[in-house]
Protein backbone atom coordinates (compact mmCIF):
# COMPACT_ATOMS: atom_id res chain seq x y z
CA MET A 1 83.85 74.23 112.52
CA LYS A 2 80.66 74.82 114.45
CA ARG A 3 78.03 76.48 112.24
CA GLU A 4 74.59 77.53 113.45
CA ILE A 5 71.75 79.44 111.80
CA THR A 6 69.32 81.33 113.99
CA SER A 7 66.32 83.38 112.91
CA TRP A 8 63.78 85.58 114.62
CA TYR A 9 61.06 88.04 113.70
CA SER A 10 62.66 91.45 113.89
CA PRO A 11 60.48 94.13 115.50
CA ALA A 12 62.60 96.81 113.86
CA LEU A 13 62.37 95.40 110.34
CA GLN A 14 59.00 93.62 110.64
CA LYS A 15 60.30 90.45 109.00
CA ASP A 16 62.21 87.29 109.80
CA MET A 17 65.95 87.91 109.86
CA PRO A 18 68.40 84.99 109.88
CA ILE A 19 71.93 85.15 111.20
CA VAL A 20 74.67 82.55 110.85
CA THR A 21 77.31 81.95 113.51
CA TYR A 22 80.66 80.22 113.07
CA GLY A 23 82.72 79.03 116.00
CA HIS A 24 82.57 78.71 119.78
CA TYR A 25 84.73 81.41 121.38
CA GLY A 26 86.71 84.56 120.74
CA PHE A 27 85.90 88.16 120.05
CA ALA A 28 82.83 88.72 117.86
CA LEU A 29 83.34 89.61 114.21
CA LEU A 30 80.05 90.90 112.79
CA LEU A 31 79.99 90.63 108.99
CA VAL A 32 77.73 92.89 106.93
CA PRO A 33 77.11 91.75 103.31
CA THR A 34 78.29 93.66 100.26
CA ALA A 35 75.46 95.01 98.09
CA ALA A 36 72.32 92.96 97.47
CA ALA A 37 73.64 89.84 99.12
CA ASP A 38 72.47 87.76 102.06
CA TYR A 39 73.84 86.41 105.32
CA LEU A 40 75.51 83.43 103.63
CA GLU A 41 77.43 85.50 101.09
CA TYR A 42 80.77 85.36 102.92
CA GLU A 43 80.43 81.59 103.16
CA ARG A 44 79.53 81.16 99.47
CA PHE A 45 82.59 83.12 98.38
CA GLN A 46 84.90 81.04 100.63
CA LEU A 47 85.88 83.91 102.91
CA ILE A 48 84.72 81.90 105.92
CA ASP A 49 87.03 79.09 104.80
CA THR A 50 90.00 81.46 104.96
CA LEU A 51 89.02 82.40 108.52
CA ALA A 52 88.73 78.78 109.66
CA PRO A 53 92.08 78.69 111.52
CA PHE A 54 91.07 81.71 113.62
CA ILE A 55 87.57 80.37 114.22
CA GLU A 56 88.65 76.87 115.15
CA SER A 57 91.39 78.12 117.48
CA GLY A 58 88.89 80.22 119.43
CA LYS A 59 90.38 83.55 118.42
CA VAL A 60 87.18 84.79 116.80
CA LYS A 61 83.51 83.92 116.64
CA VAL A 62 81.95 85.11 113.38
CA TYR A 63 78.39 86.36 112.92
CA SER A 64 76.93 87.22 109.52
CA VAL A 65 73.63 89.08 109.04
CA ASN A 66 71.31 89.68 106.12
CA SER A 67 71.46 92.85 104.05
CA ILE A 68 68.38 95.02 103.47
CA ASN A 69 69.98 97.06 100.67
CA THR A 70 67.44 95.78 98.14
CA GLU A 71 64.75 97.21 100.41
CA SER A 72 66.52 100.55 100.66
CA TRP A 73 69.30 102.12 98.60
CA LEU A 74 69.32 99.54 95.81
CA ASN A 75 65.54 99.59 95.32
CA LYS A 76 64.97 101.77 92.26
CA GLN A 77 61.19 101.84 92.80
CA MET A 78 61.35 103.21 96.36
CA GLN A 79 61.28 106.89 97.22
CA GLY A 80 64.44 108.24 98.78
CA GLU A 81 62.92 109.11 102.13
CA HIS A 82 61.55 105.59 102.47
CA LYS A 83 64.98 104.17 101.71
CA ALA A 84 66.40 106.25 104.55
CA ILE A 85 63.69 105.04 106.91
CA ARG A 86 64.53 101.44 106.06
CA GLN A 87 68.22 102.12 106.66
CA ASN A 88 67.45 103.46 110.13
CA GLN A 89 65.36 100.38 110.86
CA PHE A 90 68.33 98.22 109.90
CA ASN A 91 70.54 100.18 112.27
CA GLU A 92 68.06 99.63 115.09
CA TYR A 93 67.93 95.91 114.25
CA ILE A 94 71.71 95.69 114.67
CA PHE A 95 71.89 97.77 117.84
CA ASN A 96 68.81 96.46 119.66
CA GLU A 97 68.60 92.88 118.41
CA VAL A 98 71.86 91.60 116.94
CA VAL A 99 74.18 93.08 119.57
CA PRO A 100 72.16 91.53 122.46
CA PHE A 101 72.07 88.23 120.54
CA ILE A 102 75.87 88.29 120.31
CA ARG A 103 76.20 89.19 123.99
CA ASN A 104 73.85 86.41 125.05
CA SER A 105 75.63 83.83 122.89
CA SER A 106 79.08 84.78 124.16
CA SER A 107 79.49 87.14 127.10
CA TRP A 108 78.52 90.71 127.90
CA ASP A 109 82.12 91.92 127.78
CA THR A 110 83.00 90.28 124.45
CA PRO A 111 84.39 92.88 122.01
CA ILE A 112 82.36 93.29 118.83
CA ILE A 113 84.13 94.31 115.62
CA THR A 114 82.04 95.12 112.56
CA CYS A 115 83.41 94.16 109.16
CA GLY A 116 82.34 94.39 105.56
CA ALA A 117 83.52 94.77 102.00
CA SER A 118 82.29 97.26 99.39
CA PHE A 119 78.85 98.59 100.48
CA GLY A 120 79.28 96.45 103.60
CA ALA A 121 82.33 98.55 104.49
CA LEU A 122 80.24 101.71 104.60
CA HIS A 123 77.59 100.03 106.74
CA SER A 124 80.20 98.54 109.07
CA MET A 125 81.91 101.89 109.53
CA ASN A 126 78.60 103.68 110.04
CA LEU A 127 77.40 101.19 112.66
CA PHE A 128 80.61 101.55 114.65
CA LEU A 129 80.72 105.33 114.48
CA LYS A 130 77.08 105.72 115.49
CA ARG A 131 77.33 103.43 118.52
CA PRO A 132 80.91 103.08 119.76
CA ASP A 133 79.41 102.26 123.16
CA LEU A 134 78.14 98.97 121.69
CA ILE A 135 80.67 98.24 118.94
CA ASN A 136 84.38 98.24 119.64
CA GLY A 137 85.97 98.64 116.23
CA VAL A 138 85.71 98.09 112.48
CA ILE A 139 87.51 96.45 109.59
CA ALA A 140 86.31 98.20 106.42
CA MET A 141 87.50 96.76 103.13
CA SER A 142 87.22 98.46 99.72
CA GLY A 143 84.61 100.96 100.82
CA VAL A 144 83.48 104.46 100.10
CA TYR A 145 82.14 106.36 103.07
CA ASN A 146 79.85 108.82 101.33
CA LEU A 147 76.33 107.39 101.19
CA MET A 148 75.51 109.71 98.29
CA GLU A 149 77.34 107.20 96.11
CA TYR A 150 74.27 104.98 96.52
CA THR A 151 71.31 107.38 96.80
CA ASP A 152 70.83 108.43 93.15
CA GLY A 153 71.16 112.03 94.20
CA PHE A 154 68.62 111.94 97.03
CA TYR A 155 69.75 113.77 100.15
CA ASP A 156 67.98 114.50 103.40
CA GLU A 157 68.76 114.60 107.10
CA GLN A 158 68.74 110.82 107.42
CA VAL A 159 71.12 110.38 104.48
CA TYR A 160 73.39 112.84 106.28
CA TYR A 161 73.26 110.87 109.52
CA ASN A 162 74.10 107.60 107.76
CA SER A 163 76.93 109.01 105.65
CA PRO A 164 80.17 109.12 107.66
CA MET A 165 81.80 111.53 105.22
CA HIS A 166 79.00 113.98 106.03
CA TYR A 167 78.36 113.69 109.75
CA ILE A 168 81.80 112.94 111.21
CA PRO A 169 83.32 116.34 110.29
CA ASN A 170 80.50 118.01 112.26
CA LEU A 171 80.40 115.56 115.18
CA THR A 172 80.88 117.51 118.41
CA ASP A 173 79.49 115.14 121.05
CA HIS A 174 82.51 114.77 123.34
CA ASN A 175 81.42 111.43 124.82
CA ILE A 176 80.90 109.79 121.43
CA LEU A 177 84.13 111.19 120.06
CA GLU A 178 86.08 109.93 123.06
CA GLN A 179 84.55 106.47 122.73
CA ILE A 180 85.58 106.39 119.07
CA ARG A 181 89.06 107.66 119.88
CA ARG A 182 89.58 104.93 122.46
CA SER A 183 89.13 102.15 119.90
CA PRO A 184 92.44 100.55 118.88
CA ASN A 185 90.76 98.85 115.92
CA ILE A 186 89.70 101.23 113.16
CA HIS A 187 91.07 99.66 110.00
CA ILE A 188 90.44 101.18 106.55
CA LEU A 189 91.69 98.91 103.78
CA SER A 190 91.63 99.25 100.02
CA GLY A 191 93.29 97.83 96.97
CA SER A 192 94.38 100.00 94.06
CA GLY A 193 93.25 97.69 91.25
CA ASP A 194 90.15 97.58 89.07
CA TYR A 195 87.02 99.15 90.58
CA GLU A 196 88.74 99.99 93.85
CA ALA A 197 88.51 103.52 95.32
CA PRO A 198 91.71 104.10 97.31
CA ASP A 199 91.19 107.87 97.19
CA ALA A 200 87.85 107.44 98.97
CA ALA A 201 89.67 105.56 101.73
CA ARG A 202 92.33 108.27 101.94
CA GLU A 203 89.74 111.03 102.03
CA PHE A 204 87.81 109.41 104.85
CA ALA A 205 91.01 108.72 106.77
CA GLY A 206 91.68 112.44 106.53
CA VAL A 207 88.28 113.15 108.08
CA LEU A 208 89.12 110.90 111.02
CA TYR A 209 92.54 112.50 111.39
CA ASN A 210 90.98 115.95 111.60
CA LYS A 211 88.80 114.74 114.48
CA GLY A 212 91.74 113.35 116.41
CA ILE A 213 90.68 109.75 115.77
CA THR A 214 93.42 107.15 115.48
CA TYR A 215 93.02 104.73 112.60
CA GLU A 216 95.00 102.47 110.32
CA LEU A 217 94.87 103.16 106.59
CA ASP A 218 96.30 100.42 104.42
CA ILE A 219 96.27 100.82 100.64
CA TRP A 220 97.31 97.69 98.76
CA GLY A 221 98.77 97.70 95.25
CA PRO A 222 97.22 97.65 91.77
CA GLU A 223 97.10 93.86 91.66
CA TRP A 224 94.39 93.94 94.35
CA LYS A 225 91.01 94.40 92.67
CA HIS A 226 87.52 95.06 94.03
CA ASP A 227 86.67 91.38 94.28
CA TRP A 228 86.60 88.38 96.57
CA PRO A 229 90.19 87.20 95.99
CA THR A 230 91.34 90.48 97.55
CA TRP A 231 89.06 90.23 100.59
CA ARG A 232 89.94 86.58 101.13
CA VAL A 233 93.54 87.71 101.63
CA MET A 234 92.91 91.03 103.40
CA LEU A 235 90.72 89.86 106.24
CA PRO A 236 92.83 86.87 107.36
CA ALA A 237 95.93 89.08 107.16
CA TYR A 238 94.37 91.54 109.59
CA LEU A 239 92.97 88.94 111.94
CA GLY A 240 96.40 87.34 112.06
CA SER A 241 98.45 90.48 112.60
CA LYS A 242 96.22 93.03 114.36
CA PHE A 243 94.04 91.01 116.74
């Protein structure tokens, strides 16, 4: 499997940001880490190994970025408004730097699907919903979609605009809504085992339904816990059957 690490100084984040790429061809799967993890997390926990058949066959080309959660929502010493600023800078990094990097390393019409587990599911969903003109779909595993779960009670306008449970019910921009509605790949997955939140997945699916957005909600059984063994089965299952 081809594996390549690239890094550049991000104008949005004002720091070096590495990204790892796996494969040669295929649609782009953009992985966002879980909580405080880095761009190699999915490799360390053998999820990339489970995707090897799809990568090596040219079905998918995988990109994995660094998280900045320790510089935002998981930083207990940072004021809430500064956490929100950092989150917005991360969004701009993805939209203005990572997306062009993917386009330039593949082609300008290559579909981009965001994907993440746990906190990465919220980020992946948020990135897609904010810019469906750039990102074509999402696979969100074991997520909650209310950013207040991570803000220690802090709430402001920027928390609102990064919390899909808050802003999607009030989204009225017809163009953005139509772009979201046209995506055939909005997948919300959850187990029902330890530390999973299937009701959060159901609640957010209901929000999408009320906006006329087509999605797939898939709740797995109680044997599927909030942990890597679940995600190592979930993601290959979806790449094999839905793409």
